[in-house]
Amino acid sequence: MFGGGGNGAWMLMRHGRSDELEKGYKLAPGTIPRALKLAAKYKFAIFWFLAVTVGAGFLAAVPPLLLRALVDRALPPRHHDGHLVLWLAVAGIAVAVISAIIGLASRYLSSKVGEGLIFDLRTLPASSRWPRRSR
């Protein structure tokens, strides 16, 4: 249905440009400063993207902690605490909503930087895109 054997496109993506990824490959001189110069326009978006990503990582640790509190403190037969169960449920819902908002923010910032860089590269004059070749 989608091209038969299944490995064609994946093999091309994995092996199409392997010459650049081989051990010992060196970047052309000036590549990193040019990349940093292009990305400078997006430094605040990159900062917030990294901050949101780190925040999402910390937030991912909260649901197991809520479940542990539910099992260890709120549900034991001798110390059943309905009030704590309610608060843990509310906290679980809040974590899910916050996680969804963080996911949207992360995708927005990622696309803002990525698509902005692509647009900037497409609108650069041709003379500034590639370094001059020595003859």
C-alpha atoms as a PDB file:
ATOM      1  CA  MET A   1       0.000   0.000   0.000  1.00  0.00           C
ATOM      2  CA  PHE A   2       2.787   2.447   0.919  1.00  0.00           C
ATOM      3  CA  GLY A   3       5.583   1.322  -1.337  1.00  0.00           C
ATOM      4  CA  GLY A   4       5.970  -2.380  -0.780  1.00  0.00           C
ATOM      5  CA  GLY A   5       8.991  -3.691   1.099  1.00  0.00           C
ATOM      6  CA  GLY A   6       8.974  -0.950   3.681  1.00  0.00           C
ATOM      7  CA  ASN A   7      12.665  -0.080   3.913  1.00  0.00           C
ATOM      8  CA  GLY A   8      13.155   2.139   0.849  1.00  0.00           C
ATOM      9  CA  ALA A   9      12.612   5.627   2.276  1.00  0.00           C
ATOM     10  CA  TRP A  10      14.052   4.728   5.670  1.00  0.00           C
ATOM     11  CA  MET A  11      17.176   3.284   4.114  1.00  0.00           C
ATOM     12  CA  LEU A  12      17.630   6.430   2.014  1.00  0.00           C
ATOM     13  CA  MET A  13      17.252   8.632   5.091  1.00  0.00           C
ATOM     14  CA  ARG A  14      19.700   6.507   7.058  1.00  0.00           C
ATOM     15  CA  HIS A  15      22.279   5.985   4.331  1.00  0.00           C
ATOM     16  CA  GLY A  16      21.688   8.743   1.784  1.00  0.00           C
ATOM     17  CA  ARG A  17      24.323  11.146   3.143  1.00  0.00           C
ATOM     18  CA  SER A  18      26.476   8.884   5.266  1.00  0.00           C
ATOM     19  CA  ASP A  19      29.670  10.389   3.798  1.00  0.00           C
ATOM     20  CA  GLU A  20      29.174  13.493   5.953  1.00  0.00           C
ATOM     21  CA  LEU A  21      28.577  11.471   9.102  1.00  0.00           C
ATOM     22  CA  GLU A  22      31.564   9.200   8.924  1.00  0.00           C
ATOM     23  CA  LYS A  23      34.209   9.260  11.615  1.00  0.00           C
ATOM     24  CA  GLY A  24      36.707  12.049  11.127  1.00  0.00           C
ATOM     25  CA  TYR A  25      34.358  14.382   9.216  1.00  0.00           C
ATOM     26  CA  LYS A  26      35.272  18.038   9.767  1.00  0.00           C
ATOM     27  CA  LEU A  27      33.009  21.047   9.372  1.00  0.00           C
ATOM     28  CA  ALA A  28      34.104  23.716   6.961  1.00  0.00           C
ATOM     29  CA  PRO A  29      35.862  26.646   8.649  1.00  0.00           C
ATOM     30  CA  GLY A  30      33.416  29.350   9.654  1.00  0.00           C
ATOM     31  CA  THR A  31      30.345  27.077   9.732  1.00  0.00           C
ATOM     32  CA  ILE A  32      29.687  27.416  13.458  1.00  0.00           C
ATOM     33  CA  PRO A  33      30.055  31.227  13.568  1.00  0.00           C
ATOM     34  CA  ARG A  34      27.680  31.543  10.574  1.00  0.00           C
ATOM     35  CA  ALA A  35      25.149  29.249  12.237  1.00  0.00           C
ATOM     36  CA  LEU A  36      25.358  31.214  15.490  1.00  0.00           C
ATOM     37  CA  LYS A  37      24.948  34.463  13.572  1.00  0.00           C
ATOM     38  CA  LEU A  38      21.779  33.138  11.928  1.00  0.00           C
ATOM     39  CA  ALA A  39      20.423  31.815  15.241  1.00  0.00           C
ATOM     40  CA  ALA A  40      21.139  35.053  17.142  1.00  0.00           C
ATOM     41  CA  LYS A  41      17.824  36.497  15.982  1.00  0.00           C
ATOM     42  CA  TYR A  42      16.058  33.643  17.784  1.00  0.00           C
ATOM     43  CA  LYS A  43      18.075  33.553  21.019  1.00  0.00           C
ATOM     44  CA  PHE A  44      15.102  34.373  23.255  1.00  0.00           C
ATOM     45  CA  ALA A  45      12.879  31.792  21.561  1.00  0.00           C
ATOM     46  CA  ILE A  46      15.677  29.221  21.857  1.00  0.00           C
ATOM     47  CA  PHE A  47      16.113  30.084  25.547  1.00  0.00           C
ATOM     48  CA  TRP A  48      12.375  29.690  26.231  1.00  0.00           C
ATOM     49  CA  PHE A  49      12.262  26.472  24.204  1.00  0.00           C
ATOM     50  CA  LEU A  50      15.050  25.022  26.348  1.00  0.00           C
ATOM     51  CA  ALA A  51      13.393  26.257  29.548  1.00  0.00           C
ATOM     52  CA  VAL A  52      10.036  24.756  28.551  1.00  0.00           C
ATOM     53  CA  THR A  53      11.703  21.475  27.613  1.00  0.00           C
ATOM     54  CA  VAL A  54      13.516  21.254  30.960  1.00  0.00           C
ATOM     55  CA  GLY A  55      10.271  22.156  32.762  1.00  0.00           C
ATOM     56  CA  ALA A  56       8.461  19.381  30.908  1.00  0.00           C
ATOM     57  CA  GLY A  57      11.145  16.969  32.020  1.00  0.00           C
ATOM     58  CA  PHE A  58      10.648  17.884  35.662  1.00  0.00           C
ATOM     59  CA  LEU A  59       6.870  17.791  35.272  1.00  0.00           C
ATOM     60  CA  ALA A  60       7.096  14.246  33.896  1.00  0.00           C
ATOM     61  CA  ALA A  61       8.316  13.107  37.328  1.00  0.00           C
ATOM     62  CA  VAL A  62       5.190  14.346  39.129  1.00  0.00           C
ATOM     63  CA  PRO A  63       2.551  11.696  38.165  1.00  0.00           C
ATOM     64  CA  PRO A  64       4.514   8.778  39.664  1.00  0.00           C
ATOM     65  CA  LEU A  65       4.955  10.798  42.852  1.00  0.00           C
ATOM     66  CA  LEU A  66       1.220  11.487  42.989  1.00  0.00           C
ATOM     67  CA  LEU A  67       0.479   7.800  42.492  1.00  0.00           C
ATOM     68  CA  ARG A  68       2.933   6.879  45.254  1.00  0.00           C
ATOM     69  CA  ALA A  69       1.229   9.332  47.614  1.00  0.00           C
ATOM     70  CA  LEU A  70      -2.166   7.907  46.667  1.00  0.00           C
ATOM     71  CA  VAL A  71      -1.128   4.303  47.309  1.00  0.00           C
ATOM     72  CA  ASP A  72       1.023   4.910  50.396  1.00  0.00           C
ATOM     73  CA  ARG A  73      -0.916   7.620  52.243  1.00  0.00           C
ATOM     74  CA  ALA A  74      -4.473   8.006  50.993  1.00  0.00           C
ATOM     75  CA  LEU A  75      -5.708   4.473  50.325  1.00  0.00           C
ATOM     76  CA  PRO A  76      -4.386   2.206  53.110  1.00  0.00           C
ATOM     77  CA  PRO A  77      -7.369   0.600  54.905  1.00  0.00           C
ATOM     78  CA  ARG A  78      -6.398   1.853  58.357  1.00  0.00           C
ATOM     79  CA  HIS A  79      -5.707   5.457  57.329  1.00  0.00           C
ATOM     80  CA  HIS A  80      -8.093   5.999  54.410  1.00  0.00           C
ATOM     81  CA  ASP A  81      -8.208   9.739  53.722  1.00  0.00           C
ATOM     82  CA  GLY A  82     -10.916  10.797  51.254  1.00  0.00           C
ATOM     83  CA  HIS A  83      -9.829  14.437  51.418  1.00  0.00           C
ATOM     84  CA  LEU A  84      -6.278  13.528  50.325  1.00  0.00           C
ATOM     85  CA  VAL A  85      -7.647  11.339  47.500  1.00  0.00           C
ATOM     86  CA  LEU A  86      -9.613  14.322  46.203  1.00  0.00           C
ATOM     87  CA  TRP A  87      -6.569  16.640  46.348  1.00  0.00           C
ATOM     88  CA  LEU A  88      -4.362  14.078  44.611  1.00  0.00           C
ATOM     89  CA  ALA A  89      -6.972  13.668  41.875  1.00  0.00           C
ATOM     90  CA  VAL A  90      -7.135  17.443  41.379  1.00  0.00           C
ATOM     91  CA  ALA A  91      -3.342  17.590  41.308  1.00  0.00           C
ATOM     92  CA  GLY A  92      -3.264  14.816  38.672  1.00  0.00           C
ATOM     93  CA  ILE A  93      -5.720  16.701  36.477  1.00  0.00           C
ATOM     94  CA  ALA A  94      -3.745  19.935  36.925  1.00  0.00           C
ATOM     95  CA  VAL A  95      -0.518  18.175  35.949  1.00  0.00           C
ATOM     96  CA  ALA A  96      -2.182  16.792  32.814  1.00  0.00           C
ATOM     97  CA  VAL A  97      -3.478  20.231  31.790  1.00  0.00           C
ATOM     98  CA  ILE A  98      -0.154  21.941  32.493  1.00  0.00           C
ATOM     99  CA  SER A  99       1.665  19.209  30.590  1.00  0.00           C
ATOM    100  CA  ALA A 100      -0.589  19.761  27.569  1.00  0.00           C
ATOM    101  CA  ILE A 101       0.024  23.521  27.677  1.00  0.00           C
ATOM    102  CA  ILE A 102       3.773  22.971  27.955  1.00  0.00           C
ATOM    103  CA  GLY A 103       3.621  20.608  24.976  1.00  0.00           C
ATOM    104  CA  LEU A 104       1.851  23.249  22.891  1.00  0.00           C
ATOM    105  CA  ALA A 105       4.360  25.905  23.942  1.00  0.00           C
ATOM    106  CA  SER A 106       7.248  23.615  23.082  1.00  0.00           C
ATOM    107  CA  ARG A 107       5.880  22.858  19.617  1.00  0.00           C
ATOM    108  CA  TYR A 108       5.150  26.547  18.988  1.00  0.00           C
ATOM    109  CA  LEU A 109       8.648  27.664  19.987  1.00  0.00           C
ATOM    110  CA  SER A 110      10.292  24.841  18.052  1.00  0.00           C
ATOM    111  CA  SER A 111       8.404  25.690  14.879  1.00  0.00           C
ATOM    112  CA  LYS A 112       9.015  29.419  15.352  1.00  0.00           C
ATOM    113  CA  VAL A 113      12.771  28.872  15.480  1.00  0.00           C
ATOM    114  CA  GLY A 114      12.946  26.153  12.838  1.00  0.00           C
ATOM    115  CA  GLU A 115      10.667  27.755  10.279  1.00  0.00           C
ATOM    116  CA  GLY A 116      12.168  31.178  10.956  1.00  0.00           C
ATOM    117  CA  LEU A 117      15.659  29.860  10.245  1.00  0.00           C
ATOM    118  CA  ILE A 118      14.455  28.197   7.044  1.00  0.00           C
ATOM    119  CA  PHE A 119      12.817  31.452   5.932  1.00  0.00           C
ATOM    120  CA  ASP A 120      15.946  33.425   6.769  1.00  0.00           C
ATOM    121  CA  LEU A 121      18.112  30.997   4.810  1.00  0.00           C
ATOM    122  CA  ARG A 122      15.815  31.221   1.801  1.00  0.00           C
ATOM    123  CA  THR A 123      15.810  35.011   1.789  1.00  0.00           C
ATOM    124  CA  LEU A 124      19.566  35.461   2.192  1.00  0.00           C
ATOM    125  CA  PRO A 125      21.420  36.736  -0.838  1.00  0.00           C
ATOM    126  CA  ALA A 126      23.111  33.864  -2.658  1.00  0.00           C
ATOM    127  CA  SER A 127      26.558  35.351  -2.055  1.00  0.00           C
ATOM    128  CA  SER A 128      26.167  35.055   1.731  1.00  0.00           C
ATOM    129  CA  ARG A 129      24.794  31.496   1.776  1.00  0.00           C
ATOM    130  CA  TRP A 130      27.942  29.698   0.747  1.00  0.00           C
ATOM    131  CA  PRO A 131      31.544  30.608   1.323  1.00  0.00           C
ATOM    132  CA  ARG A 132      33.549  31.465  -1.772  1.00  0.00           C
ATOM    133  CA  ARG A 133      35.474  28.549  -3.150  1.00  0.00           C
ATOM    134  CA  SER A 134      39.152  28.910  -3.772  1.00  0.00           C
ATOM    135  CA  ARG A 135      40.256  28.005  -7.274  1.00  0.00           C
END
